[in-house]
């Protein structure tokens, strides 16, 4: 089986399962990228974060155009998460 077909099948199963259950896609995507496609854990995590970023940016654009984004609340959550994320990033290196 080609890698592309395996990747598409794994992506479809992960997307359908977690879309139906309401979970985050990385829960199944990272193990699928590691064990099915042979990526290293670092590469699988990076690929998963790229997909999450692209999906989130697309959803933000659509919801913002529809007027459904609460910008002040979003800014508060972003501000609260920036410092802990930076500290965790520094601690991990």
PDB file of N, CA and C in Angstrom:
ATOM      1  N   UNK A   1       0.857  -1.167   0.000  1.00  0.00           N
ATOM      2  CA  UNK A   1       0.000   0.000   0.000  1.00  0.00           C
ATOM      3  C   UNK A   1       0.908   1.236   0.000  1.00  0.00           C
ATOM      4  N   UNK A   2       0.579   2.205  -0.831  1.00  0.00           N
ATOM      5  CA  UNK A   2       1.424   3.396  -0.903  1.00  0.00           C
ATOM      6  C   UNK A   2       1.243   4.255   0.350  1.00  0.00           C
ATOM      7  N   UNK A   3       2.253   5.055   0.625  1.00  0.00           N
ATOM      8  CA  UNK A   3       2.229   5.918   1.809  1.00  0.00           C
ATOM      9  C   UNK A   3       1.101   6.936   1.706  1.00  0.00           C
ATOM     10  N   UNK A   4       0.841   7.451   0.508  1.00  0.00           N
ATOM     11  CA  UNK A   4      -0.220   8.442   0.338  1.00  0.00           C
ATOM     12  C   UNK A   4      -1.586   7.854   0.670  1.00  0.00           C
ATOM     13  N   UNK A   5      -1.866   6.660   0.191  1.00  0.00           N
ATOM     14  CA  UNK A   5      -3.159   6.022   0.473  1.00  0.00           C
ATOM     15  C   UNK A   5      -3.288   5.738   1.970  1.00  0.00           C
ATOM     16  N   UNK A   6      -2.204   5.255   2.573  1.00  0.00           N
ATOM     17  CA  UNK A   6      -2.223   4.986   4.012  1.00  0.00           C
ATOM     18  C   UNK A   6      -2.447   6.270   4.804  1.00  0.00           C
ATOM     19  N   UNK A   7      -1.789   7.352   4.401  1.00  0.00           N
ATOM     20  CA  UNK A   7      -1.956   8.635   5.090  1.00  0.00           C
ATOM     21  C   UNK A   7      -3.378   9.159   4.945  1.00  0.00           C
ATOM     22  N   UNK A   8      -3.948   9.056   3.753  1.00  0.00           N
ATOM     23  CA  UNK A   8      -5.322   9.519   3.542  1.00  0.00           C
ATOM     24  C   UNK A   8      -6.321   8.692   4.344  1.00  0.00           C
ATOM     25  N   UNK A   9      -6.120   7.378   4.364  1.00  0.00           N
ATOM     26  CA  UNK A   9      -7.025   6.512   5.122  1.00  0.00           C
ATOM     27  C   UNK A   9      -6.928   6.805   6.619  1.00  0.00           C
ATOM     28  N   UNK A  10      -5.699   6.937   7.126  1.00  0.00           N
ATOM     29  CA  UNK A  10      -5.524   7.232   8.554  1.00  0.00           C
ATOM     30  C   UNK A  10      -6.117   8.589   8.901  1.00  0.00           C
ATOM     31  N   UNK A  11      -5.919   9.573   8.041  1.00  0.00           N
ATOM     32  CA  UNK A  11      -6.483  10.901   8.277  1.00  0.00           C
ATOM     33  C   UNK A  11      -7.996  10.889   8.294  1.00  0.00           C
ATOM     34  N   UNK A  12      -8.587  10.114   7.387  1.00  0.00           N
ATOM     35  CA  UNK A  12     -10.047  10.022   7.336  1.00  0.00           C
ATOM     36  C   UNK A  12     -10.601   9.356   8.594  1.00  0.00           C
ATOM     37  N   UNK A  13      -9.970   8.278   9.026  1.00  0.00           N
ATOM     38  CA  UNK A  13     -10.436   7.573  10.221  1.00  0.00           C
ATOM     39  C   UNK A  13     -10.288   8.462  11.458  1.00  0.00           C
ATOM     40  N   UNK A  14      -9.136   9.122  11.591  1.00  0.00           N
ATOM     41  CA  UNK A  14      -8.915  10.013  12.734  1.00  0.00           C
ATOM     42  C   UNK A  14      -9.926  11.154  12.718  1.00  0.00           C
ATOM     43  N   UNK A  15     -10.121  11.768  11.560  1.00  0.00           N
ATOM     44  CA  UNK A  15     -11.052  12.886  11.454  1.00  0.00           C
ATOM     45  C   UNK A  15     -12.481  12.495  11.766  1.00  0.00           C
ATOM     46  N   UNK A  16     -12.923  11.376  11.233  1.00  0.00           N
ATOM     47  CA  UNK A  16     -14.292  10.925  11.485  1.00  0.00           C
ATOM     48  C   UNK A  16     -14.497  10.527  12.945  1.00  0.00           C
ATOM     49  N   UNK A  17     -13.556   9.777  13.491  1.00  0.00           N
ATOM     50  CA  UNK A  17     -13.707   9.308  14.871  1.00  0.00           C
ATOM     51  C   UNK A  17     -13.713  10.470  15.855  1.00  0.00           C
ATOM     52  N   UNK A  18     -12.769  11.361  15.710  1.00  0.00           N
ATOM     53  CA  UNK A  18     -12.683  12.446  16.680  1.00  0.00           C
ATOM     54  C   UNK A  18     -13.696  13.544  16.412  1.00  0.00           C
ATOM     55  N   UNK A  19     -14.125  13.700  15.171  1.00  0.00           N
ATOM     56  CA  UNK A  19     -15.201  14.641  14.883  1.00  0.00           C
ATOM     57  C   UNK A  19     -16.504  14.180  15.509  1.00  0.00           C
ATOM     58  N   UNK A  20     -16.734  12.877  15.467  1.00  0.00           N
ATOM     59  CA  UNK A  20     -17.951  12.322  16.053  1.00  0.00           C
ATOM     60  C   UNK A  20     -17.903  12.330  17.580  1.00  0.00           C
ATOM     61  N   UNK A  21     -16.708  12.150  18.134  1.00  0.00           N
ATOM     62  CA  UNK A  21     -16.574  12.060  19.585  1.00  0.00           C
ATOM     63  C   UNK A  21     -16.215  13.380  20.249  1.00  0.00           C
ATOM     64  N   UNK A  22     -15.821  14.368  19.461  1.00  0.00           N
ATOM     65  CA  UNK A  22     -15.497  15.677  20.010  1.00  0.00           C
ATOM     66  C   UNK A  22     -14.121  15.782  20.627  1.00  0.00           C
ATOM     67  N   UNK A  23     -13.211  14.911  20.256  1.00  0.00           N
ATOM     68  CA  UNK A  23     -11.860  14.964  20.808  1.00  0.00           C
ATOM     69  C   UNK A  23     -10.917  15.741  19.920  1.00  0.00           C
ATOM     70  N   UNK A  24      -9.717  15.976  20.420  1.00  0.00           N
ATOM     71  CA  UNK A  24      -8.688  16.640  19.635  1.00  0.00           C
ATOM     72  C   UNK A  24      -8.022  15.656  18.689  1.00  0.00           C
ATOM     73  N   UNK A  25      -7.746  16.088  17.481  1.00  0.00           N
ATOM     74  CA  UNK A  25      -7.198  15.211  16.453  1.00  0.00           C
ATOM     75  C   UNK A  25      -5.813  14.672  16.755  1.00  0.00           C
ATOM     76  N   UNK A  26      -5.031  15.378  17.545  1.00  0.00           N
ATOM     77  CA  UNK A  26      -3.668  14.940  17.826  1.00  0.00           C
ATOM     78  C   UNK A  26      -3.623  13.668  18.665  1.00  0.00           C
ATOM     79  N   UNK A  27      -4.706  13.375  19.359  1.00  0.00           N
ATOM     80  CA  UNK A  27      -4.752  12.176  20.192  1.00  0.00           C
ATOM     81  C   UNK A  27      -4.508  10.930  19.350  1.00  0.00           C
ATOM     82  N   UNK A  28      -5.055  10.876  18.163  1.00  0.00           N
ATOM     83  CA  UNK A  28      -4.850   9.741  17.269  1.00  0.00           C
ATOM     84  C   UNK A  28      -3.911  10.052  16.119  1.00  0.00           C
ATOM     85  N   UNK A  29      -3.789  11.315  15.743  1.00  0.00           N
ATOM     86  CA  UNK A  29      -2.976  11.668  14.581  1.00  0.00           C
ATOM     87  C   UNK A  29      -1.495  11.410  14.830  1.00  0.00           C
ATOM     88  N   UNK A  30      -0.991  11.791  15.987  1.00  0.00           N
ATOM     89  CA  UNK A  30       0.440  11.618  16.256  1.00  0.00           C
ATOM     90  C   UNK A  30       0.833  10.139  16.283  1.00  0.00           C
ATOM     91  N   UNK A  31       0.109   9.266  16.986  1.00  0.00           N
ATOM     92  CA  UNK A  31       0.466   7.845  16.897  1.00  0.00           C
ATOM     93  C   UNK A  31       0.352   7.288  15.476  1.00  0.00           C
ATOM     94  N   UNK A  32      -0.647   7.741  14.715  1.00  0.00           N
ATOM     95  CA  UNK A  32      -0.773   7.272  13.329  1.00  0.00           C
ATOM     96  C   UNK A  32       0.424   7.714  12.499  1.00  0.00           C
ATOM     97  N   UNK A  33       0.860   8.950  12.674  1.00  0.00           N
ATOM     98  CA  UNK A  33       2.020   9.438  11.930  1.00  0.00           C
ATOM     99  C   UNK A  33       3.292   8.693  12.330  1.00  0.00           C
ATOM    100  N   UNK A  34       3.404   8.332  13.593  1.00  0.00           N
ATOM    101  CA  UNK A  34       4.603   7.630  14.060  1.00  0.00           C
ATOM    102  C   UNK A  34       4.595   6.171  13.610  1.00  0.00           C
ATOM    103  N   UNK A  35       3.510   5.445  13.912  1.00  0.00           N
ATOM    104  CA  UNK A  35       3.507   4.004  13.702  1.00  0.00           C
ATOM    105  C   UNK A  35       3.101   3.581  12.297  1.00  0.00           C
ATOM    106  N   UNK A  36       2.244   4.340  11.651  1.00  0.00           N
ATOM    107  CA  UNK A  36       1.822   3.958  10.303  1.00  0.00           C
ATOM    108  C   UNK A  36       2.711   4.547   9.221  1.00  0.00           C
ATOM    109  N   UNK A  37       3.175   5.778   9.422  1.00  0.00           N
ATOM    110  CA  UNK A  37       3.959   6.444   8.386  1.00  0.00           C
ATOM    111  C   UNK A  37       5.439   6.531   8.716  1.00  0.00           C
ATOM    112  N   UNK A  38       5.829   6.125   9.918  1.00  0.00           N
ATOM    113  CA  UNK A  38       7.237   6.053  10.264  1.00  0.00           C
ATOM    114  C   UNK A  38       7.909   7.374  10.588  1.00  0.00           C
ATOM    115  N   UNK A  39       7.151   8.407  10.906  1.00  0.00           N
ATOM    116  CA  UNK A  39       7.752   9.684  11.276  1.00  0.00           C
ATOM    117  C   UNK A  39       8.335   9.598  12.684  1.00  0.00           C
ATOM    118  N   UNK A  40       9.328  10.423  12.946  1.00  0.00           N
ATOM    119  CA  UNK A  40       9.865  10.500  14.306  1.00  0.00           C
ATOM    120  C   UNK A  40       8.833  11.216  15.181  1.00  0.00           C
ATOM    121  N   UNK A  41       8.905  11.031  16.491  1.00  0.00           N
ATOM    122  CA  UNK A  41       7.954  11.742  17.353  1.00  0.00           C
ATOM    123  C   UNK A  41       8.000  13.261  17.175  1.00  0.00           C
ATOM    124  N   UNK A  42       9.189  13.816  17.009  1.00  0.00           N
ATOM    125  CA  UNK A  42       9.292  15.269  16.815  1.00  0.00           C
ATOM    126  C   UNK A  42       8.643  15.698  15.502  1.00  0.00           C
ATOM    127  N   UNK A  43       8.883  14.945  14.437  1.00  0.00           N
ATOM    128  CA  UNK A  43       8.288  15.284  13.141  1.00  0.00           C
ATOM    129  C   UNK A  43       6.774  15.102  13.169  1.00  0.00           C
ATOM    130  N   UNK A  44       6.291  14.054  13.845  1.00  0.00           N
ATOM    131  CA  UNK A  44       4.849  13.820  13.937  1.00  0.00           C
ATOM    132  C   UNK A  44       4.165  14.929  14.725  1.00  0.00           C
ATOM    133  N   UNK A  45       4.790  15.365  15.803  1.00  0.00           N
ATOM    134  CA  UNK A  45       4.221  16.450  16.602  1.00  0.00           C
ATOM    135  C   UNK A  45       4.189  17.747  15.810  1.00  0.00           C
ATOM    136  N   UNK A  46       5.271  18.029  15.086  1.00  0.00           N
ATOM    137  CA  UNK A  46       5.328  19.233  14.264  1.00  0.00           C
ATOM    138  C   UNK A  46       4.266  19.201  13.176  1.00  0.00           C
ATOM    139  N   UNK A  47       4.121  18.069  12.503  1.00  0.00           N
ATOM    140  CA  UNK A  47       3.112  17.946  11.448  1.00  0.00           C
ATOM    141  C   UNK A  47       1.711  18.124  12.014  1.00  0.00           C
ATOM    142  N   UNK A  48       1.457  17.532  13.172  1.00  0.00           N
ATOM    143  CA  UNK A  48       0.147  17.656  13.801  1.00  0.00           C
ATOM    144  C   UNK A  48      -0.139  19.100  14.194  1.00  0.00           C
ATOM    145  N   UNK A  49       0.854  19.791  14.741  1.00  0.00           N
ATOM    146  CA  UNK A  49       0.661  21.196  15.114  1.00  0.00           C
ATOM    147  C   UNK A  49       0.428  22.074  13.891  1.00  0.00           C
ATOM    148  N   UNK A  50       1.084  21.757  12.788  1.00  0.00           N
ATOM    149  CA  UNK A  50       0.864  22.506  11.549  1.00  0.00           C
ATOM    150  C   UNK A  50      -0.583  22.355  11.085  1.00  0.00           C
ATOM    151  N   UNK A  51      -1.096  21.132  11.130  1.00  0.00           N
ATOM    152  CA  UNK A  51      -2.480  20.881  10.715  1.00  0.00           C
ATOM    153  C   UNK A  51      -3.455  21.601  11.644  1.00  0.00           C
ATOM    154  N   UNK A  52      -3.209  21.551  12.947  1.00  0.00           N
ATOM    155  CA  UNK A  52      -4.077  22.234  13.910  1.00  0.00           C
ATOM    156  C   UNK A  52      -4.067  23.742  13.663  1.00  0.00           C
ATOM    157  N   UNK A  53      -2.888  24.303  13.396  1.00  0.00           N
ATOM    158  CA  UNK A  53      -2.784  25.740  13.131  1.00  0.00           C
ATOM    159  C   UNK A  53      -3.547  26.125  11.875  1.00  0.00           C
ATOM    160  N   UNK A  54      -3.376  25.356  10.805  1.00  0.00           N
ATOM    161  CA  UNK A  54      -4.075  25.658   9.552  1.00  0.00           C
ATOM    162  C   UNK A  54      -5.588  25.535   9.714  1.00  0.00           C
ATOM    163  N   UNK A  55      -6.027  24.499  10.401  1.00  0.00           N
ATOM    164  CA  UNK A  55      -7.457  24.301  10.617  1.00  0.00           C
ATOM    165  C   UNK A  55      -8.039  25.408  11.494  1.00  0.00           C
ATOM    166  N   UNK A  56      -7.327  25.768  12.543  1.00  0.00           N
ATOM    167  CA  UNK A  56      -7.801  26.824  13.445  1.00  0.00           C
ATOM    168  C   UNK A  56      -7.860  28.174  12.753  1.00  0.00           C
ATOM    169  N   UNK A  57      -6.858  28.478  11.935  1.00  0.00           N
ATOM    170  CA  UNK A  57      -6.854  29.754  11.210  1.00  0.00           C
ATOM    171  C   UNK A  57      -8.015  29.828  10.226  1.00  0.00           C
ATOM    172  N   UNK A  58      -8.289  28.727   9.556  1.00  0.00           N
ATOM    173  CA  UNK A  58      -9.417  28.687   8.626  1.00  0.00           C
ATOM    174  C   UNK A  58     -10.738  28.878   9.358  1.00  0.00           C
ATOM    175  N   UNK A  59     -10.904  28.183  10.480  1.00  0.00           N
ATOM    176  CA  UNK A  59     -12.137  28.316  11.261  1.00  0.00           C
ATOM    177  C   UNK A  59     -12.284  29.726  11.824  1.00  0.00           C
ATOM    178  N   UNK A  60     -11.187  30.321  12.283  1.00  0.00           N
ATOM    179  CA  UNK A  60     -11.236  31.688  12.799  1.00  0.00           C
ATOM    180  C   UNK A  60     -11.689  32.651  11.712  1.00  0.00           C
ATOM    181  N   UNK A  61     -11.163  32.510  10.526  1.00  0.00           N
ATOM    182  CA  UNK A  61     -11.541  33.389   9.413  1.00  0.00           C
ATOM    183  C   UNK A  61     -13.043  33.289   9.130  1.00  0.00           C
ATOM    184  N   UNK A  62     -13.549  32.075   9.040  1.00  0.00           N
ATOM    185  CA  UNK A  62     -14.970  31.872   8.727  1.00  0.00           C
ATOM    186  C   UNK A  62     -15.853  32.436   9.837  1.00  0.00           C
ATOM    187  N   UNK A  63     -15.521  32.134  11.084  1.00  0.00           N
ATOM    188  CA  UNK A  63     -16.342  32.610  12.198  1.00  0.00           C
ATOM    189  C   UNK A  63     -16.229  34.124  12.387  1.00  0.00           C
ATOM    190  N   UNK A  64     -15.056  34.686  12.120  1.00  0.00           N
ATOM    191  CA  UNK A  64     -14.889  36.140  12.238  1.00  0.00           C
ATOM    192  C   UNK A  64     -15.723  36.862  11.188  1.00  0.00           C
ATOM    193  N   UNK A  65     -15.747  36.338   9.974  1.00  0.00           N
ATOM    194  CA  UNK A  65     -16.561  36.960   8.922  1.00  0.00           C
ATOM    195  C   UNK A  65     -18.044  36.888   9.255  1.00  0.00           C
ATOM    196  N   UNK A  66     -18.442  35.847   9.970  1.00  0.00           N
ATOM    197  CA  UNK A  66     -19.846  35.709  10.363  1.00  0.00           C
ATOM    198  C   UNK A  66     -20.166  36.506  11.631  1.00  0.00           C
ATOM    199  N   UNK A  67     -19.155  37.103  12.256  1.00  0.00           N
ATOM    200  CA  UNK A  67     -19.374  37.898  13.459  1.00  0.00           C
ATOM    201  C   UNK A  67     -19.545  37.084  14.724  1.00  0.00           C
ATOM    202  N   UNK A  68     -19.027  35.864  14.735  1.00  0.00           N
ATOM    203  CA  UNK A  68     -19.215  34.980  15.881  1.00  0.00           C
ATOM    204  C   UNK A  68     -18.001  34.894  16.796  1.00  0.00           C
ATOM    205  N   UNK A  69     -17.024  35.776  16.619  1.00  0.00           N
ATOM    206  CA  UNK A  69     -15.812  35.709  17.436  1.00  0.00           C
ATOM    207  C   UNK A  69     -15.886  36.747  18.548  1.00  0.00           C
ATOM    208  N   UNK A  70     -15.653  36.313  19.766  1.00  0.00           N
ATOM    209  CA  UNK A  70     -15.586  37.217  20.919  1.00  0.00           C
ATOM    210  C   UNK A  70     -14.117  37.581  21.115  1.00  0.00           C
ATOM    211  N   UNK A  71     -13.699  38.674  20.471  1.00  0.00           N
ATOM    212  CA  UNK A  71     -12.294  39.051  20.406  1.00  0.00           C
ATOM    213  C   UNK A  71     -11.693  39.333  21.778  1.00  0.00           C
ATOM    214  N   UNK A  72     -12.432  40.000  22.666  1.00  0.00           N
ATOM    215  CA  UNK A  72     -11.890  40.328  23.995  1.00  0.00           C
ATOM    216  C   UNK A  72     -11.624  39.061  24.805  1.00  0.00           C
ATOM    217  N   UNK A  73     -12.555  38.124  24.766  1.00  0.00           N
ATOM    218  CA  UNK A  73     -12.357  36.865  25.491  1.00  0.00           C
ATOM    219  C   UNK A  73     -11.192  36.082  24.891  1.00  0.00           C
ATOM    220  N   UNK A  74     -11.099  36.065  23.576  1.00  0.00           N
ATOM    221  CA  UNK A  74      -9.989  35.376  22.918  1.00  0.00           C
ATOM    222  C   UNK A  74      -8.649  35.988  23.259  1.00  0.00           C
ATOM    223  N   UNK A  75      -8.601  37.323  23.304  1.00  0.00           N
ATOM    224  CA  UNK A  75      -7.357  38.004  23.663  1.00  0.00           C
ATOM    225  C   UNK A  75      -6.961  37.702  25.106  1.00  0.00           C
ATOM    226  N   UNK A  76      -7.951  37.611  25.988  1.00  0.00           N
ATOM    227  CA  UNK A  76      -7.657  37.289  27.390  1.00  0.00           C
ATOM    228  C   UNK A  76      -7.075  35.882  27.513  1.00  0.00           C
ATOM    229  N   UNK A  77      -7.661  34.917  26.812  1.00  0.00           N
ATOM    230  CA  UNK A  77      -7.132  33.553  26.845  1.00  0.00           C
ATOM    231  C   UNK A  77      -5.739  33.489  26.223  1.00  0.00           C
ATOM    232  N   UNK A  78      -5.532  34.201  25.127  1.00  0.00           N
ATOM    233  CA  UNK A  78      -4.218  34.214  24.480  1.00  0.00           C
ATOM    234  C   UNK A  78      -3.171  34.817  25.405  1.00  0.00           C
ATOM    235  N   UNK A  79      -3.511  35.929  26.041  1.00  0.00           N
ATOM    236  CA  UNK A  79      -2.568  36.581  26.949  1.00  0.00           C
ATOM    237  C   UNK A  79      -2.226  35.678  28.131  1.00  0.00           C
ATOM    238  N   UNK A  80      -3.225  34.962  28.633  1.00  0.00           N
ATOM    239  CA  UNK A  80      -2.986  34.069  29.767  1.00  0.00           C
ATOM    240  C   UNK A  80      -2.131  32.869  29.382  1.00  0.00           C
ATOM    241  N   UNK A  81      -2.115  32.501  28.116  1.00  0.00           N
ATOM    242  CA  UNK A  81      -1.364  31.325  27.692  1.00  0.00           C
ATOM    243  C   UNK A  81       0.026  31.595  27.168  1.00  0.00           C
ATOM    244  N   UNK A  82       0.331  32.840  26.817  1.00  0.00           N
ATOM    245  CA  UNK A  82       1.623  33.149  26.197  1.00  0.00           C
ATOM    246  C   UNK A  82       2.781  32.934  27.169  1.00  0.00           C
ATOM    247  N   UNK A  83       2.687  33.464  28.365  1.00  0.00           N
ATOM    248  CA  UNK A  83       3.792  33.351  29.325  1.00  0.00           C
ATOM    249  C   UNK A  83       4.031  31.895  29.738  1.00  0.00           C
ATOM    250  N   UNK A  84       3.003  31.136  30.139  1.00  0.00           N
ATOM    251  CA  UNK A  84       3.263  29.731  30.480  1.00  0.00           C
ATOM    252  C   UNK A  84       3.826  28.929  29.301  1.00  0.00           C
ATOM    253  N   UNK A  85       3.375  29.217  28.091  1.00  0.00           N
ATOM    254  CA  UNK A  85       3.902  28.503  26.929  1.00  0.00           C
ATOM    255  C   UNK A  85       5.374  28.826  26.709  1.00  0.00           C
ATOM    256  N   UNK A  86       5.746  30.086  26.873  1.00  0.00           N
ATOM    257  CA  UNK A  86       7.149  30.476  26.713  1.00  0.00           C
ATOM    258  C   UNK A  86       8.021  29.839  27.794  1.00  0.00           C
ATOM    259  N   UNK A  87       7.542  29.836  29.019  1.00  0.00           N
ATOM    260  CA  UNK A  87       8.302  29.227  30.117  1.00  0.00           C
ATOM    261  C   UNK A  87       8.462  27.725  29.885  1.00  0.00           C
ATOM    262  N   UNK A  88       7.397  27.061  29.469  1.00  0.00           N
ATOM    263  CA  UNK A  88       7.477  25.625  29.197  1.00  0.00           C
ATOM    264  C   UNK A  88       8.434  25.337  28.047  1.00  0.00           C
ATOM    265  N   UNK A  89       8.408  26.189  27.026  1.00  0.00           N
ATOM    266  CA  UNK A  89       9.332  26.009  25.913  1.00  0.00           C
ATOM    267  C   UNK A  89      10.779  26.155  26.343  1.00  0.00           C
ATOM    268  N   UNK A  90      11.049  27.122  27.192  1.00  0.00           N
ATOM    269  CA  UNK A  90      12.413  27.302  27.700  1.00  0.00           C
ATOM    270  C   UNK A  90      12.830  26.148  28.610  1.00  0.00           C
ATOM    271  N   UNK A  91      11.895  25.661  29.408  1.00  0.00           N
ATOM    272  CA  UNK A  91      12.207  24.558  30.317  1.00  0.00           C
ATOM    273  C   UNK A  91      12.463  23.260  29.563  1.00  0.00           C
ATOM    274  N   UNK A  92      11.859  23.110  28.399  1.00  0.00           N
ATOM    275  CA  UNK A  92      12.010  21.879  27.630  1.00  0.00           C
ATOM    276  C   UNK A  92      13.351  21.802  26.913  1.00  0.00           C
ATOM    277  N   UNK A  93      14.027  22.937  26.756  1.00  0.00           N
ATOM    278  CA  UNK A  93      15.302  22.919  26.022  1.00  0.00           C
ATOM    279  C   UNK A  93      16.486  22.808  26.935  1.00  0.00           C
TER     280      UNK A  93
END
